[in-house]
Amino acid sequence: MFVVWLIVNSSVEPPILATGALASLAVAAIFVRRGDVWRIRLTPRKVFHFLAYTGVFLVELVKANINMLRYVYAPRIDIRPGIVKVRMPLKSPIGRLALANSIALTPGSLVMDLRGDTLFVHWLDVGTTDPEEATRVIIGPFEKHLEAVFG
């Protein structure tokens, strides 16, 4: 939130820094008090896996954007859109949120529903309708690291 504050204000003047820091800390404190879901014990292992997840997410994001470029600039759009059922491996609410957002932020896929341990994902170009294979393709890159961070 602090970084967004700095970008929006386009300044690093001391009053702007102080106001952004105070506002960010206040909002963070409110969210931390609202429930235990936001309390994550930081360990070196979790920090490593979060950084690795960030790298994996950025790689997947670039790959998906390049794929979208291919669709947009192709003379004929050859896609097979559809809704696939994938297994939700994570149990913690914050881990589930991070996974759903990772999928939704990647172009070409959108989480439509979560029912129990199942996610329904709209996939722009369905590669498989087999739930296990779709889980491996869509969730596979993120699962290991998010499991290590959030459980």
N, C-alpha and C. Protein backbone atom coordinates (compact mmCIF):
# COMPACT_ATOMS: atom_id res chain seq x y z
N MET A 1 0.82 -1.18 0.00
CA MET A 1 0.00 0.00 0.00
C MET A 1 0.88 1.26 0.00
N PHE A 2 1.97 1.18 0.72
CA PHE A 2 2.89 2.32 0.79
C PHE A 2 3.49 2.62 -0.58
N VAL A 3 3.85 1.58 -1.31
CA VAL A 3 4.42 1.76 -2.65
C VAL A 3 3.39 2.39 -3.58
N VAL A 4 2.15 1.94 -3.49
CA VAL A 4 1.09 2.52 -4.32
C VAL A 4 0.92 4.00 -3.95
N TRP A 5 0.97 4.31 -2.67
CA TRP A 5 0.88 5.69 -2.21
C TRP A 5 1.97 6.55 -2.85
N LEU A 6 3.19 6.02 -2.86
CA LEU A 6 4.30 6.77 -3.44
C LEU A 6 4.12 6.96 -4.94
N ILE A 7 3.64 5.93 -5.62
CA ILE A 7 3.42 6.04 -7.07
C ILE A 7 2.33 7.05 -7.37
N VAL A 8 1.25 7.01 -6.62
CA VAL A 8 0.14 7.94 -6.86
C VAL A 8 0.57 9.38 -6.62
N ASN A 9 1.37 9.60 -5.57
CA ASN A 9 1.78 10.96 -5.25
C ASN A 9 2.99 11.43 -6.04
N SER A 10 3.71 10.54 -6.66
CA SER A 10 4.89 10.88 -7.47
C SER A 10 5.87 11.78 -6.73
N SER A 11 6.06 11.49 -5.46
CA SER A 11 6.95 12.33 -4.67
C SER A 11 7.50 11.54 -3.49
N VAL A 12 8.71 11.91 -3.07
CA VAL A 12 9.30 11.31 -1.88
C VAL A 12 9.62 12.39 -0.84
N GLU A 13 8.80 13.43 -0.84
CA GLU A 13 8.95 14.48 0.16
C GLU A 13 8.64 13.91 1.54
N PRO A 14 9.34 14.36 2.58
CA PRO A 14 9.12 13.83 3.93
C PRO A 14 7.65 13.83 4.39
N PRO A 15 6.86 14.90 4.18
CA PRO A 15 5.46 14.83 4.64
C PRO A 15 4.65 13.75 3.90
N ILE A 16 4.94 13.58 2.63
CA ILE A 16 4.22 12.56 1.86
C ILE A 16 4.64 11.17 2.31
N LEU A 17 5.94 10.98 2.55
CA LEU A 17 6.41 9.70 3.07
C LEU A 17 5.78 9.39 4.41
N ALA A 18 5.75 10.36 5.31
CA ALA A 18 5.20 10.15 6.65
C ALA A 18 3.70 9.83 6.59
N THR A 19 2.96 10.57 5.78
CA THR A 19 1.52 10.33 5.65
C THR A 19 1.24 8.95 5.08
N GLY A 20 1.97 8.56 4.04
CA GLY A 20 1.79 7.24 3.44
C GLY A 20 2.15 6.13 4.40
N ALA A 21 3.24 6.31 5.15
CA ALA A 21 3.65 5.29 6.12
C ALA A 21 2.60 5.14 7.22
N LEU A 22 2.11 6.24 7.74
CA LEU A 22 1.09 6.17 8.80
C LEU A 22 -0.21 5.53 8.30
N ALA A 23 -0.64 5.93 7.13
CA ALA A 23 -1.87 5.35 6.56
C ALA A 23 -1.69 3.86 6.30
N SER A 24 -0.56 3.46 5.77
CA SER A 24 -0.30 2.04 5.50
C SER A 24 -0.26 1.23 6.78
N LEU A 25 0.40 1.74 7.78
CA LEU A 25 0.46 1.04 9.07
C LEU A 25 -0.91 0.95 9.72
N ALA A 26 -1.71 2.01 9.62
CA ALA A 26 -3.05 1.99 10.21
C ALA A 26 -3.93 0.94 9.54
N VAL A 27 -3.91 0.90 8.22
CA VAL A 27 -4.72 -0.09 7.50
C VAL A 27 -4.23 -1.50 7.79
N ALA A 28 -2.92 -1.69 7.81
CA ALA A 28 -2.37 -3.02 8.13
C ALA A 28 -2.77 -3.45 9.54
N ALA A 29 -2.73 -2.54 10.50
CA ALA A 29 -3.12 -2.86 11.88
C ALA A 29 -4.59 -3.25 11.96
N ILE A 30 -5.43 -2.56 11.21
CA ILE A 30 -6.87 -2.89 11.20
C ILE A 30 -7.08 -4.30 10.67
N PHE A 31 -6.41 -4.64 9.56
CA PHE A 31 -6.59 -5.97 8.98
C PHE A 31 -6.04 -7.06 9.88
N VAL A 32 -4.93 -6.81 10.54
CA VAL A 32 -4.34 -7.83 11.42
C VAL A 32 -5.26 -8.10 12.60
N ARG A 33 -5.89 -7.09 13.12
CA ARG A 33 -6.78 -7.26 14.27
C ARG A 33 -8.08 -7.95 13.90
N ARG A 34 -8.50 -7.87 12.65
CA ARG A 34 -9.82 -8.37 12.24
C ARG A 34 -9.90 -9.89 12.24
N GLY A 35 -8.81 -10.58 12.28
CA GLY A 35 -8.89 -12.03 12.30
C GLY A 35 -7.52 -12.68 12.26
N ASP A 36 -7.51 -13.95 12.58
CA ASP A 36 -6.26 -14.71 12.60
C ASP A 36 -5.79 -15.11 11.23
N VAL A 37 -6.64 -14.97 10.22
CA VAL A 37 -6.28 -15.41 8.87
C VAL A 37 -5.07 -14.63 8.35
N TRP A 38 -4.88 -13.40 8.80
CA TRP A 38 -3.78 -12.58 8.32
C TRP A 38 -2.50 -12.80 9.10
N ARG A 39 -2.54 -13.59 10.16
CA ARG A 39 -1.35 -13.84 10.97
C ARG A 39 -0.57 -15.01 10.37
N ILE A 40 0.57 -14.69 9.82
CA ILE A 40 1.43 -15.70 9.19
C ILE A 40 2.79 -15.62 9.87
N ARG A 41 3.20 -16.73 10.45
CA ARG A 41 4.53 -16.75 11.09
C ARG A 41 5.59 -16.78 10.01
N LEU A 42 6.47 -15.80 10.06
CA LEU A 42 7.55 -15.74 9.08
C LEU A 42 8.74 -16.55 9.54
N THR A 43 9.18 -17.41 8.66
CA THR A 43 10.40 -18.19 8.87
C THR A 43 11.25 -18.01 7.62
N PRO A 44 12.53 -18.28 7.73
CA PRO A 44 13.37 -18.18 6.51
C PRO A 44 12.84 -19.05 5.36
N ARG A 45 12.33 -20.22 5.69
CA ARG A 45 11.79 -21.12 4.67
C ARG A 45 10.58 -20.50 3.98
N LYS A 46 9.68 -19.89 4.76
CA LYS A 46 8.50 -19.26 4.17
C LYS A 46 8.88 -18.05 3.32
N VAL A 47 9.84 -17.28 3.78
CA VAL A 47 10.29 -16.13 3.01
C VAL A 47 10.89 -16.59 1.69
N PHE A 48 11.71 -17.65 1.74
CA PHE A 48 12.29 -18.20 0.51
C PHE A 48 11.20 -18.63 -0.46
N HIS A 49 10.21 -19.38 0.05
CA HIS A 49 9.15 -19.88 -0.84
C HIS A 49 8.27 -18.74 -1.35
N PHE A 50 8.08 -17.69 -0.56
CA PHE A 50 7.30 -16.56 -1.06
C PHE A 50 8.05 -15.86 -2.19
N LEU A 51 9.34 -15.69 -2.03
CA LEU A 51 10.14 -15.08 -3.10
C LEU A 51 10.15 -15.97 -4.34
N ALA A 52 10.25 -17.28 -4.13
CA ALA A 52 10.21 -18.22 -5.26
C ALA A 52 8.84 -18.17 -5.94
N TYR A 53 7.77 -18.11 -5.14
CA TYR A 53 6.42 -17.99 -5.70
C TYR A 53 6.30 -16.71 -6.53
N THR A 54 6.84 -15.61 -6.04
CA THR A 54 6.79 -14.35 -6.77
C THR A 54 7.49 -14.48 -8.12
N GLY A 55 8.64 -15.13 -8.14
CA GLY A 55 9.35 -15.36 -9.39
C GLY A 55 8.56 -16.24 -10.33
N VAL A 56 7.99 -17.32 -9.81
CA VAL A 56 7.18 -18.23 -10.63
C VAL A 56 5.97 -17.50 -11.18
N PHE A 57 5.33 -16.70 -10.34
CA PHE A 57 4.16 -15.95 -10.79
C PHE A 57 4.52 -14.99 -11.92
N LEU A 58 5.64 -14.29 -11.78
CA LEU A 58 6.05 -13.36 -12.82
C LEU A 58 6.36 -14.08 -14.13
N VAL A 59 7.00 -15.24 -14.05
CA VAL A 59 7.29 -16.03 -15.25
C VAL A 59 5.98 -16.47 -15.91
N GLU A 60 5.04 -16.99 -15.11
CA GLU A 60 3.75 -17.43 -15.65
C GLU A 60 2.98 -16.26 -16.24
N LEU A 61 3.08 -15.10 -15.61
CA LEU A 61 2.42 -13.90 -16.11
C LEU A 61 2.97 -13.49 -17.48
N VAL A 62 4.27 -13.51 -17.63
CA VAL A 62 4.90 -13.17 -18.90
C VAL A 62 4.50 -14.19 -19.98
N LYS A 63 4.54 -15.48 -19.63
CA LYS A 63 4.16 -16.52 -20.59
C LYS A 63 2.71 -16.35 -21.04
N ALA A 64 1.82 -16.05 -20.10
CA ALA A 64 0.40 -15.88 -20.44
C ALA A 64 0.19 -14.64 -21.30
N ASN A 65 0.92 -13.58 -21.01
CA ASN A 65 0.79 -12.36 -21.82
C ASN A 65 1.31 -12.58 -23.24
N ILE A 66 2.39 -13.32 -23.37
CA ILE A 66 2.90 -13.64 -24.71
C ILE A 66 1.89 -14.50 -25.46
N ASN A 67 1.27 -15.44 -24.76
CA ASN A 67 0.23 -16.26 -25.36
C ASN A 67 -0.94 -15.40 -25.83
N MET A 68 -1.34 -14.43 -25.03
CA MET A 68 -2.43 -13.52 -25.41
C MET A 68 -2.05 -12.71 -26.65
N LEU A 69 -0.80 -12.28 -26.71
CA LEU A 69 -0.35 -11.55 -27.90
C LEU A 69 -0.48 -12.41 -29.15
N ARG A 70 -0.15 -13.69 -29.02
CA ARG A 70 -0.28 -14.59 -30.16
C ARG A 70 -1.73 -14.69 -30.61
N TYR A 71 -2.67 -14.75 -29.65
CA TYR A 71 -4.09 -14.81 -30.00
C TYR A 71 -4.54 -13.52 -30.67
N VAL A 72 -4.12 -12.40 -30.12
CA VAL A 72 -4.58 -11.10 -30.62
C VAL A 72 -4.06 -10.83 -32.03
N TYR A 73 -2.80 -11.16 -32.28
CA TYR A 73 -2.21 -10.83 -33.58
C TYR A 73 -2.30 -11.96 -34.59
N ALA A 74 -2.90 -13.06 -34.24
CA ALA A 74 -3.07 -14.15 -35.19
C ALA A 74 -4.13 -13.78 -36.23
N PRO A 75 -3.93 -14.17 -37.48
CA PRO A 75 -4.93 -13.84 -38.51
C PRO A 75 -6.27 -14.51 -38.22
N ARG A 76 -6.24 -15.67 -37.58
CA ARG A 76 -7.46 -16.39 -37.24
C ARG A 76 -7.34 -16.85 -35.79
N ILE A 77 -8.30 -16.50 -34.98
CA ILE A 77 -8.24 -16.87 -33.57
C ILE A 77 -8.70 -18.31 -33.42
N ASP A 78 -7.81 -19.14 -32.97
CA ASP A 78 -8.10 -20.55 -32.80
C ASP A 78 -8.05 -20.89 -31.31
N ILE A 79 -9.16 -20.64 -30.62
CA ILE A 79 -9.23 -20.93 -29.18
C ILE A 79 -10.40 -21.84 -28.89
N ARG A 80 -10.32 -22.50 -27.75
CA ARG A 80 -11.39 -23.37 -27.28
C ARG A 80 -11.71 -22.95 -25.84
N PRO A 81 -12.52 -21.90 -25.65
CA PRO A 81 -12.83 -21.46 -24.30
C PRO A 81 -13.74 -22.46 -23.59
N GLY A 82 -13.60 -22.52 -22.28
CA GLY A 82 -14.44 -23.41 -21.52
C GLY A 82 -14.17 -23.29 -20.04
N ILE A 83 -14.99 -23.98 -19.27
CA ILE A 83 -14.85 -23.98 -17.82
C ILE A 83 -14.32 -25.35 -17.42
N VAL A 84 -13.23 -25.34 -16.66
CA VAL A 84 -12.64 -26.59 -16.20
C VAL A 84 -12.70 -26.65 -14.68
N LYS A 85 -12.73 -27.86 -14.20
CA LYS A 85 -12.78 -28.13 -12.77
C LYS A 85 -11.37 -28.53 -12.33
N VAL A 86 -10.85 -27.81 -11.33
CA VAL A 86 -9.52 -28.12 -10.81
C VAL A 86 -9.59 -28.33 -9.30
N ARG A 87 -8.67 -29.10 -8.80
CA ARG A 87 -8.60 -29.41 -7.38
C ARG A 87 -7.91 -28.28 -6.64
N MET A 88 -8.48 -27.86 -5.50
CA MET A 88 -7.89 -26.81 -4.66
C MET A 88 -7.08 -27.49 -3.57
N PRO A 89 -5.75 -27.46 -3.68
CA PRO A 89 -4.93 -28.19 -2.73
C PRO A 89 -4.74 -27.49 -1.38
N LEU A 90 -4.93 -26.19 -1.34
CA LEU A 90 -4.63 -25.43 -0.12
C LEU A 90 -5.81 -25.43 0.84
N LYS A 91 -5.50 -25.41 2.13
CA LYS A 91 -6.55 -25.44 3.15
C LYS A 91 -6.75 -24.09 3.83
N SER A 92 -5.71 -23.28 3.95
CA SER A 92 -5.84 -22.00 4.65
C SER A 92 -6.58 -20.99 3.78
N PRO A 93 -7.43 -20.16 4.38
CA PRO A 93 -8.18 -19.17 3.59
C PRO A 93 -7.26 -18.20 2.84
N ILE A 94 -6.19 -17.75 3.46
CA ILE A 94 -5.30 -16.78 2.81
C ILE A 94 -4.54 -17.46 1.66
N GLY A 95 -4.19 -18.73 1.82
CA GLY A 95 -3.54 -19.48 0.74
C GLY A 95 -4.47 -19.67 -0.44
N ARG A 96 -5.74 -19.97 -0.14
CA ARG A 96 -6.74 -20.11 -1.20
C ARG A 96 -6.94 -18.80 -1.95
N LEU A 97 -6.97 -17.71 -1.19
CA LEU A 97 -7.11 -16.40 -1.80
C LEU A 97 -5.93 -16.09 -2.71
N ALA A 98 -4.72 -16.37 -2.22
CA ALA A 98 -3.52 -16.11 -3.03
C ALA A 98 -3.54 -16.95 -4.31
N LEU A 99 -3.94 -18.20 -4.21
CA LEU A 99 -4.00 -19.06 -5.40
C LEU A 99 -5.06 -18.58 -6.38
N ALA A 100 -6.25 -18.27 -5.89
CA ALA A 100 -7.32 -17.79 -6.77
C ALA A 100 -6.91 -16.49 -7.45
N ASN A 101 -6.26 -15.61 -6.72
CA ASN A 101 -5.81 -14.35 -7.33
C ASN A 101 -4.70 -14.59 -8.34
N SER A 102 -3.82 -15.54 -8.07
CA SER A 102 -2.76 -15.86 -9.02
C SER A 102 -3.34 -16.34 -10.34
N ILE A 103 -4.38 -17.16 -10.25
CA ILE A 103 -5.03 -17.66 -11.46
C ILE A 103 -5.77 -16.54 -12.17
N ALA A 104 -6.50 -15.72 -11.41
CA ALA A 104 -7.30 -14.66 -12.02
C ALA A 104 -6.43 -13.56 -12.63
N LEU A 105 -5.25 -13.32 -12.06
CA LEU A 105 -4.38 -12.27 -12.58
C LEU A 105 -3.58 -12.72 -13.80
N THR A 106 -3.57 -14.01 -14.06
CA THR A 106 -2.87 -14.53 -15.22
C THR A 106 -3.82 -14.47 -16.42
N PRO A 107 -3.47 -13.72 -17.47
CA PRO A 107 -4.36 -13.60 -18.62
C PRO A 107 -4.72 -14.95 -19.23
N GLY A 108 -5.99 -15.09 -19.56
CA GLY A 108 -6.45 -16.33 -20.18
C GLY A 108 -7.15 -17.26 -19.21
N SER A 109 -7.19 -16.89 -17.93
CA SER A 109 -7.88 -17.73 -16.95
C SER A 109 -8.56 -16.84 -15.92
N LEU A 110 -9.67 -17.33 -15.40
CA LEU A 110 -10.43 -16.57 -14.42
C LEU A 110 -11.14 -17.55 -13.49
N VAL A 111 -10.98 -17.37 -12.19
CA VAL A 111 -11.67 -18.23 -11.23
C VAL A 111 -13.12 -17.78 -11.17
N MET A 112 -14.03 -18.73 -11.40
CA MET A 112 -15.45 -18.39 -11.41
C MET A 112 -16.14 -18.79 -10.11
N ASP A 113 -15.70 -19.90 -9.51
CA ASP A 113 -16.38 -20.39 -8.31
C ASP A 113 -15.44 -21.28 -7.52
N LEU A 114 -15.67 -21.34 -6.23
CA LEU A 114 -14.94 -22.23 -5.33
C LEU A 114 -15.98 -22.98 -4.52
N ARG A 115 -16.00 -24.29 -4.68
CA ARG A 115 -16.93 -25.13 -3.93
C ARG A 115 -16.14 -26.23 -3.24
N GLY A 116 -16.03 -26.12 -1.92
CA GLY A 116 -15.26 -27.09 -1.17
C GLY A 116 -13.81 -27.07 -1.58
N ASP A 117 -13.33 -28.19 -2.09
CA ASP A 117 -11.95 -28.29 -2.55
C ASP A 117 -11.84 -28.23 -4.07
N THR A 118 -12.83 -27.63 -4.72
CA THR A 118 -12.85 -27.57 -6.17
C THR A 118 -12.97 -26.12 -6.64
N LEU A 119 -12.14 -25.78 -7.59
CA LEU A 119 -12.20 -24.47 -8.25
C LEU A 119 -12.77 -24.67 -9.65
N PHE A 120 -13.61 -23.76 -10.07
CA PHE A 120 -14.09 -23.77 -11.44
C PHE A 120 -13.44 -22.57 -12.13
N VAL A 121 -12.65 -22.85 -13.15
CA VAL A 121 -11.85 -21.84 -13.82
C VAL A 121 -12.29 -21.71 -15.27
N HIS A 122 -12.55 -20.47 -15.69
CA HIS A 122 -12.80 -20.23 -17.11
C HIS A 122 -11.42 -20.10 -17.76
N TRP A 123 -11.18 -20.97 -18.71
CA TRP A 123 -9.88 -21.06 -19.37
C TRP A 123 -10.09 -20.68 -20.82
N LEU A 124 -9.36 -19.71 -21.30
CA LEU A 124 -9.55 -19.20 -22.66
C LEU A 124 -9.27 -20.25 -23.71
N ASP A 125 -8.26 -21.07 -23.49
CA ASP A 125 -7.92 -22.11 -24.45
C ASP A 125 -7.74 -23.42 -23.69
N VAL A 126 -8.83 -24.15 -23.55
CA VAL A 126 -8.85 -25.37 -22.76
C VAL A 126 -7.94 -26.41 -23.39
N GLY A 127 -6.93 -26.81 -22.63
CA GLY A 127 -6.01 -27.83 -23.11
C GLY A 127 -6.48 -29.22 -22.76
N THR A 128 -7.21 -29.35 -21.65
CA THR A 128 -7.71 -30.64 -21.21
C THR A 128 -8.92 -30.41 -20.30
N THR A 129 -9.84 -31.37 -20.31
CA THR A 129 -10.98 -31.30 -19.41
C THR A 129 -10.82 -32.26 -18.24
N ASP A 130 -9.75 -33.05 -18.24
CA ASP A 130 -9.46 -33.95 -17.14
C ASP A 130 -9.08 -33.10 -15.91
N PRO A 131 -9.81 -33.24 -14.79
CA PRO A 131 -9.54 -32.40 -13.61
C PRO A 131 -8.10 -32.50 -13.09
N GLU A 132 -7.53 -33.68 -13.11
CA GLU A 132 -6.15 -33.84 -12.60
C GLU A 132 -5.14 -33.14 -13.51
N GLU A 133 -5.31 -33.30 -14.80
CA GLU A 133 -4.39 -32.66 -15.76
C GLU A 133 -4.57 -31.15 -15.73
N ALA A 134 -5.83 -30.68 -15.66
CA ALA A 134 -6.09 -29.24 -15.58
C ALA A 134 -5.50 -28.66 -14.30
N THR A 135 -5.58 -29.40 -13.20
CA THR A 135 -4.98 -28.96 -11.94
C THR A 135 -3.48 -28.82 -12.09
N ARG A 136 -2.86 -29.80 -12.73
CA ARG A 136 -1.41 -29.76 -12.93
C ARG A 136 -1.00 -28.55 -13.78
N VAL A 137 -1.77 -28.27 -14.83
CA VAL A 137 -1.41 -27.18 -15.74
C VAL A 137 -1.67 -25.80 -15.12
N ILE A 138 -2.84 -25.64 -14.50
CA ILE A 138 -3.23 -24.32 -13.99
C ILE A 138 -2.63 -24.02 -12.62
N ILE A 139 -2.71 -24.97 -11.71
CA ILE A 139 -2.29 -24.73 -10.33
C ILE A 139 -0.87 -25.18 -10.07
N GLY A 140 -0.39 -26.12 -10.84
CA GLY A 140 0.91 -26.72 -10.63
C GLY A 140 2.06 -25.77 -10.35
N PRO A 141 2.24 -24.72 -11.14
CA PRO A 141 3.38 -23.84 -10.90
C PRO A 141 3.33 -23.13 -9.54
N PHE A 142 2.14 -22.87 -9.02
CA PHE A 142 2.00 -22.10 -7.79
C PHE A 142 1.90 -22.95 -6.53
N GLU A 143 1.42 -24.18 -6.67
CA GLU A 143 1.02 -25.00 -5.53
C GLU A 143 2.14 -25.22 -4.51
N LYS A 144 3.29 -25.65 -4.96
CA LYS A 144 4.38 -26.01 -4.05
C LYS A 144 4.77 -24.83 -3.15
N HIS A 145 4.91 -23.67 -3.75
CA HIS A 145 5.38 -22.51 -2.98
C HIS A 145 4.29 -21.95 -2.08
N LEU A 146 3.05 -21.88 -2.57
CA LEU A 146 1.96 -21.37 -1.73
C LEU A 146 1.67 -22.32 -0.58
N GLU A 147 1.79 -23.62 -0.82
CA GLU A 147 1.61 -24.61 0.26
C GLU A 147 2.66 -24.40 1.35
N ALA A 148 3.88 -24.14 0.95
CA ALA A 148 4.97 -23.93 1.93
C ALA A 148 4.77 -22.64 2.72
N VAL A 149 4.21 -21.61 2.08
CA VAL A 149 4.03 -20.33 2.77
C VAL A 149 2.78 -20.32 3.64
N PHE A 150 1.64 -20.76 3.07
CA PHE A 150 0.37 -20.61 3.75
C PHE A 150 -0.20 -21.90 4.33
N GLY A 151 0.24 -23.05 3.84
CA GLY A 151 -0.26 -24.31 4.36
C GLY A 151 -1.54 -24.77 3.73
